[in-house]
Amino acid sequence: TELLGKSRKFQHCINAGIRALQDHEWSLAASHFQDAHQIAPSSPGAKRALFLAMEVKNTVTQSRGNIDRAISEGDREKALAYADALDNYVERIHAQVLDADLLAVDGQQESSL
């Protein structure tokens, strides 16, 4: 039925987004979570996942810009500090993604379709 098809597509989008986060593919993750959010706009799991992916994508982009700027200014120490902070941030996010509770899509997903 249509509801079952939406439910499967929703779960596929969530799972693909989680895999993309685990692979550090922030834009791809955001795209998958956006698709899930469009299928089930009232799903708290999809909203949390989309927010996380967008936040990580923006933070990584900003951090890379800071690293590039420090390099172009010839400030190796500052660039290394930014890179170290980014590595630590990505490690924390990766650990959170592995925590099933962070992106758990609750049983309400079908009722929100």
N, C-alpha and C. Protein backbone atom coordinates (compact mmCIF):
# COMPACT_ATOMS: atom_id res chain seq x y z
N THR A 1 0.83 -1.19 0.00
CA THR A 1 0.00 0.00 0.00
C THR A 1 0.87 1.25 0.00
N GLU A 2 0.22 2.40 -0.18
CA GLU A 2 0.96 3.66 -0.26
C GLU A 2 1.69 3.97 1.05
N LEU A 3 1.05 3.72 2.17
CA LEU A 3 1.67 4.00 3.47
C LEU A 3 2.91 3.14 3.68
N LEU A 4 2.82 1.88 3.31
CA LEU A 4 3.96 0.98 3.45
C LEU A 4 5.11 1.43 2.55
N GLY A 5 4.80 1.86 1.34
CA GLY A 5 5.83 2.36 0.42
C GLY A 5 6.52 3.60 0.97
N LYS A 6 5.73 4.53 1.53
CA LYS A 6 6.31 5.73 2.13
C LYS A 6 7.18 5.37 3.32
N SER A 7 6.70 4.43 4.12
CA SER A 7 7.46 4.01 5.30
C SER A 7 8.81 3.42 4.90
N ARG A 8 8.81 2.59 3.87
CA ARG A 8 10.06 1.98 3.40
C ARG A 8 11.01 3.04 2.84
N LYS A 9 10.45 3.96 2.05
CA LYS A 9 11.29 5.01 1.47
C LYS A 9 11.86 5.90 2.57
N PHE A 10 11.04 6.22 3.56
CA PHE A 10 11.48 7.03 4.69
C PHE A 10 12.64 6.34 5.41
N GLN A 11 12.47 5.06 5.73
CA GLN A 11 13.52 4.32 6.45
C GLN A 11 14.78 4.22 5.61
N HIS A 12 14.62 4.05 4.29
CA HIS A 12 15.78 4.00 3.39
C HIS A 12 16.54 5.32 3.45
N CYS A 13 15.83 6.44 3.42
CA CYS A 13 16.47 7.76 3.47
C CYS A 13 17.22 7.96 4.79
N ILE A 14 16.59 7.57 5.90
CA ILE A 14 17.24 7.69 7.21
C ILE A 14 18.50 6.84 7.26
N ASN A 15 18.39 5.58 6.84
CA ASN A 15 19.56 4.68 6.87
C ASN A 15 20.68 5.18 5.96
N ALA A 16 20.32 5.67 4.77
CA ALA A 16 21.33 6.20 3.85
C ALA A 16 22.00 7.44 4.44
N GLY A 17 21.22 8.28 5.11
CA GLY A 17 21.77 9.47 5.75
C GLY A 17 22.74 9.11 6.87
N ILE A 18 22.38 8.11 7.66
CA ILE A 18 23.27 7.68 8.75
C ILE A 18 24.57 7.13 8.18
N ARG A 19 24.47 6.32 7.12
CA ARG A 19 25.70 5.81 6.48
C ARG A 19 26.55 6.95 5.95
N ALA A 20 25.91 7.95 5.36
CA ALA A 20 26.66 9.10 4.84
C ALA A 20 27.36 9.85 5.96
N LEU A 21 26.68 10.02 7.10
CA LEU A 21 27.34 10.67 8.25
C LEU A 21 28.53 9.85 8.72
N GLN A 22 28.36 8.55 8.78
CA GLN A 22 29.45 7.68 9.23
C GLN A 22 30.64 7.77 8.27
N ASP A 23 30.36 8.04 6.99
CA ASP A 23 31.41 8.16 5.98
C ASP A 23 31.91 9.60 5.82
N HIS A 24 31.42 10.50 6.69
CA HIS A 24 31.81 11.91 6.68
C HIS A 24 31.37 12.61 5.39
N GLU A 25 30.28 12.16 4.81
CA GLU A 25 29.70 12.76 3.61
C GLU A 25 28.54 13.66 4.05
N TRP A 26 28.89 14.85 4.55
CA TRP A 26 27.92 15.71 5.23
C TRP A 26 26.81 16.19 4.30
N SER A 27 27.15 16.61 3.10
CA SER A 27 26.14 17.10 2.16
C SER A 27 25.19 15.99 1.73
N LEU A 28 25.74 14.83 1.48
CA LEU A 28 24.91 13.68 1.10
C LEU A 28 23.98 13.30 2.24
N ALA A 29 24.49 13.31 3.47
CA ALA A 29 23.65 13.01 4.62
C ALA A 29 22.50 14.00 4.73
N ALA A 30 22.81 15.27 4.59
CA ALA A 30 21.77 16.30 4.68
C ALA A 30 20.72 16.08 3.60
N SER A 31 21.15 15.71 2.40
CA SER A 31 20.21 15.45 1.31
C SER A 31 19.27 14.29 1.64
N HIS A 32 19.83 13.20 2.15
CA HIS A 32 18.99 12.05 2.52
C HIS A 32 18.02 12.40 3.64
N PHE A 33 18.50 13.13 4.64
CA PHE A 33 17.62 13.49 5.75
C PHE A 33 16.56 14.50 5.30
N GLN A 34 16.90 15.36 4.35
CA GLN A 34 15.90 16.28 3.79
C GLN A 34 14.81 15.48 3.09
N ASP A 35 15.21 14.46 2.34
CA ASP A 35 14.22 13.60 1.68
C ASP A 35 13.31 12.93 2.71
N ALA A 36 13.90 12.43 3.79
CA ALA A 36 13.11 11.78 4.84
C ALA A 36 12.15 12.79 5.48
N HIS A 37 12.64 13.99 5.70
CA HIS A 37 11.81 15.03 6.31
C HIS A 37 10.64 15.39 5.38
N GLN A 38 10.87 15.40 4.08
CA GLN A 38 9.80 15.70 3.13
C GLN A 38 8.74 14.59 3.11
N ILE A 39 9.18 13.36 3.31
CA ILE A 39 8.23 12.24 3.35
C ILE A 39 7.40 12.29 4.63
N ALA A 40 8.06 12.60 5.74
CA ALA A 40 7.38 12.62 7.04
C ALA A 40 7.78 13.88 7.82
N PRO A 41 7.19 15.01 7.48
CA PRO A 41 7.59 16.29 8.09
C PRO A 41 7.40 16.35 9.60
N SER A 42 6.53 15.54 10.14
CA SER A 42 6.29 15.60 11.58
C SER A 42 7.12 14.58 12.36
N SER A 43 7.99 13.86 11.68
CA SER A 43 8.83 12.87 12.36
C SER A 43 9.94 13.56 13.16
N PRO A 44 9.96 13.38 14.49
CA PRO A 44 11.03 13.98 15.28
C PRO A 44 12.42 13.44 14.91
N GLY A 45 12.49 12.17 14.54
CA GLY A 45 13.78 11.58 14.16
C GLY A 45 14.34 12.22 12.91
N ALA A 46 13.48 12.45 11.93
CA ALA A 46 13.94 13.08 10.69
C ALA A 46 14.37 14.51 10.94
N LYS A 47 13.64 15.22 11.79
CA LYS A 47 14.00 16.60 12.11
C LYS A 47 15.35 16.66 12.82
N ARG A 48 15.57 15.78 13.80
CA ARG A 48 16.85 15.75 14.52
C ARG A 48 17.99 15.43 13.58
N ALA A 49 17.79 14.45 12.72
CA ALA A 49 18.84 14.02 11.80
C ALA A 49 19.18 15.13 10.81
N LEU A 50 18.16 15.79 10.27
CA LEU A 50 18.39 16.88 9.33
C LEU A 50 19.13 18.03 10.00
N PHE A 51 18.72 18.39 11.20
CA PHE A 51 19.38 19.46 11.93
C PHE A 51 20.85 19.11 12.19
N LEU A 52 21.11 17.89 12.62
CA LEU A 52 22.49 17.46 12.89
C LEU A 52 23.33 17.53 11.63
N ALA A 53 22.82 16.99 10.54
CA ALA A 53 23.59 16.97 9.29
C ALA A 53 23.90 18.39 8.81
N MET A 54 22.92 19.28 8.89
CA MET A 54 23.15 20.66 8.46
C MET A 54 24.15 21.36 9.38
N GLU A 55 24.04 21.13 10.66
CA GLU A 55 24.96 21.73 11.62
C GLU A 55 26.39 21.25 11.37
N VAL A 56 26.56 19.96 11.18
CA VAL A 56 27.89 19.40 10.92
C VAL A 56 28.44 19.94 9.60
N LYS A 57 27.62 19.94 8.57
CA LYS A 57 28.06 20.45 7.26
C LYS A 57 28.54 21.89 7.38
N ASN A 58 27.78 22.72 8.06
CA ASN A 58 28.15 24.13 8.21
C ASN A 58 29.42 24.30 9.05
N THR A 59 29.53 23.53 10.12
CA THR A 59 30.71 23.62 10.98
C THR A 59 31.96 23.17 10.24
N VAL A 60 31.87 22.08 9.51
CA VAL A 60 33.02 21.58 8.75
C VAL A 60 33.43 22.59 7.67
N THR A 61 32.45 23.15 6.98
CA THR A 61 32.74 24.14 5.92
C THR A 61 33.43 25.36 6.51
N GLN A 62 32.91 25.84 7.63
CA GLN A 62 33.51 27.01 8.28
C GLN A 62 34.92 26.69 8.77
N SER A 63 35.10 25.53 9.35
CA SER A 63 36.42 25.14 9.86
C SER A 63 37.44 25.02 8.73
N ARG A 64 37.01 24.43 7.62
CA ARG A 64 37.92 24.32 6.48
C ARG A 64 38.30 25.70 5.95
N GLY A 65 37.36 26.62 5.97
CA GLY A 65 37.67 27.99 5.57
C GLY A 65 38.68 28.63 6.49
N ASN A 66 38.54 28.40 7.80
CA ASN A 66 39.51 28.92 8.77
C ASN A 66 40.89 28.33 8.54
N ILE A 67 40.95 27.05 8.24
CA ILE A 67 42.23 26.39 7.98
C ILE A 67 42.87 26.99 6.73
N ASP A 68 42.09 27.11 5.66
CA ASP A 68 42.61 27.68 4.42
C ASP A 68 43.11 29.10 4.61
N ARG A 69 42.35 29.90 5.37
CA ARG A 69 42.75 31.28 5.63
C ARG A 69 44.06 31.34 6.41
N ALA A 70 44.18 30.49 7.43
CA ALA A 70 45.42 30.48 8.21
C ALA A 70 46.60 30.06 7.35
N ILE A 71 46.40 29.09 6.48
CA ILE A 71 47.47 28.66 5.58
C ILE A 71 47.87 29.79 4.64
N SER A 72 46.86 30.48 4.07
CA SER A 72 47.17 31.56 3.13
C SER A 72 47.87 32.72 3.83
N GLU A 73 47.65 32.87 5.13
CA GLU A 73 48.33 33.92 5.91
C GLU A 73 49.70 33.46 6.40
N GLY A 74 50.03 32.19 6.12
CA GLY A 74 51.31 31.66 6.53
C GLY A 74 51.39 31.29 8.00
N ASP A 75 50.25 31.16 8.65
CA ASP A 75 50.21 30.83 10.09
C ASP A 75 49.98 29.33 10.27
N ARG A 76 51.07 28.60 10.19
CA ARG A 76 51.01 27.13 10.26
C ARG A 76 50.44 26.65 11.59
N GLU A 77 50.82 27.28 12.69
CA GLU A 77 50.35 26.86 14.00
C GLU A 77 48.83 27.02 14.13
N LYS A 78 48.34 28.14 13.63
CA LYS A 78 46.90 28.38 13.68
C LYS A 78 46.16 27.36 12.80
N ALA A 79 46.70 27.08 11.62
CA ALA A 79 46.08 26.11 10.72
C ALA A 79 46.04 24.73 11.38
N LEU A 80 47.14 24.35 12.03
CA LEU A 80 47.17 23.05 12.71
C LEU A 80 46.19 23.01 13.88
N ALA A 81 46.05 24.11 14.59
CA ALA A 81 45.10 24.16 15.71
C ALA A 81 43.66 24.01 15.19
N TYR A 82 43.34 24.72 14.10
CA TYR A 82 42.02 24.58 13.50
C TYR A 82 41.77 23.15 13.01
N ALA A 83 42.79 22.57 12.38
CA ALA A 83 42.66 21.21 11.86
C ALA A 83 42.47 20.21 13.00
N ASP A 84 43.19 20.40 14.09
CA ASP A 84 43.06 19.52 15.25
C ASP A 84 41.66 19.65 15.86
N ALA A 85 41.17 20.87 15.98
CA ALA A 85 39.82 21.09 16.51
C ALA A 85 38.77 20.45 15.60
N LEU A 86 38.97 20.56 14.29
CA LEU A 86 38.03 19.95 13.36
C LEU A 86 38.06 18.43 13.48
N ASP A 87 39.25 17.85 13.57
CA ASP A 87 39.36 16.40 13.73
C ASP A 87 38.64 15.94 15.00
N ASN A 88 38.82 16.66 16.09
CA ASN A 88 38.16 16.30 17.34
C ASN A 88 36.64 16.41 17.21
N TYR A 89 36.17 17.45 16.56
CA TYR A 89 34.74 17.64 16.35
C TYR A 89 34.16 16.48 15.53
N VAL A 90 34.83 16.14 14.44
CA VAL A 90 34.35 15.06 13.58
C VAL A 90 34.35 13.73 14.33
N GLU A 91 35.35 13.49 15.15
CA GLU A 91 35.38 12.27 15.96
C GLU A 91 34.20 12.21 16.92
N ARG A 92 33.89 13.35 17.56
CA ARG A 92 32.75 13.39 18.49
C ARG A 92 31.44 13.12 17.75
N ILE A 93 31.29 13.73 16.58
CA ILE A 93 30.07 13.51 15.79
C ILE A 93 29.98 12.06 15.37
N HIS A 94 31.08 11.49 14.92
CA HIS A 94 31.08 10.10 14.50
C HIS A 94 30.66 9.19 15.65
N ALA A 95 31.17 9.45 16.84
CA ALA A 95 30.78 8.66 18.02
C ALA A 95 29.30 8.82 18.31
N GLN A 96 28.77 10.02 18.16
CA GLN A 96 27.35 10.25 18.40
C GLN A 96 26.49 9.51 17.38
N VAL A 97 26.93 9.50 16.13
CA VAL A 97 26.17 8.82 15.09
C VAL A 97 26.12 7.33 15.38
N LEU A 98 27.20 6.81 15.93
CA LEU A 98 27.21 5.39 16.27
C LEU A 98 26.30 5.08 17.45
N ASP A 99 25.95 6.11 18.23
CA ASP A 99 25.02 5.96 19.33
C ASP A 99 23.61 5.94 18.74
N ALA A 100 22.98 4.81 18.74
CA ALA A 100 21.69 4.63 18.07
C ALA A 100 20.62 5.59 18.59
N ASP A 101 20.73 6.04 19.83
CA ASP A 101 19.69 6.90 20.39
C ASP A 101 19.69 8.29 19.75
N LEU A 102 20.82 8.76 19.28
CA LEU A 102 20.88 10.12 18.73
C LEU A 102 19.98 10.28 17.53
N LEU A 103 20.05 9.35 16.60
CA LEU A 103 19.27 9.45 15.38
C LEU A 103 18.15 8.43 15.33
N ALA A 104 17.80 7.88 16.48
CA ALA A 104 16.75 6.89 16.49
C ALA A 104 15.47 7.48 15.92
N VAL A 105 14.92 6.76 15.01
CA VAL A 105 13.64 7.15 14.44
C VAL A 105 12.59 6.35 15.18
N ASP A 106 11.80 7.05 15.96
CA ASP A 106 10.88 6.34 16.84
C ASP A 106 9.74 5.68 16.07
N GLY A 107 8.98 4.92 16.79
CA GLY A 107 7.88 4.17 16.21
C GLY A 107 6.78 5.04 15.64
N GLN A 108 6.86 6.34 15.84
CA GLN A 108 5.84 7.25 15.33
C GLN A 108 6.01 7.52 13.85
N GLN A 109 7.09 7.01 13.23
CA GLN A 109 7.35 7.36 11.84
C GLN A 109 6.17 7.03 10.94
N GLU A 110 5.55 5.87 11.12
CA GLU A 110 4.45 5.51 10.22
C GLU A 110 3.24 6.40 10.47
N SER A 111 2.99 6.75 11.72
CA SER A 111 1.83 7.59 11.99
C SER A 111 2.04 9.02 11.51
N SER A 112 3.31 9.41 11.28
CA SER A 112 3.57 10.76 10.84
C SER A 112 3.63 10.85 9.31
N LEU A 113 3.47 9.72 8.62
CA LEU A 113 3.51 9.72 7.15
C LEU A 113 2.19 10.15 6.57
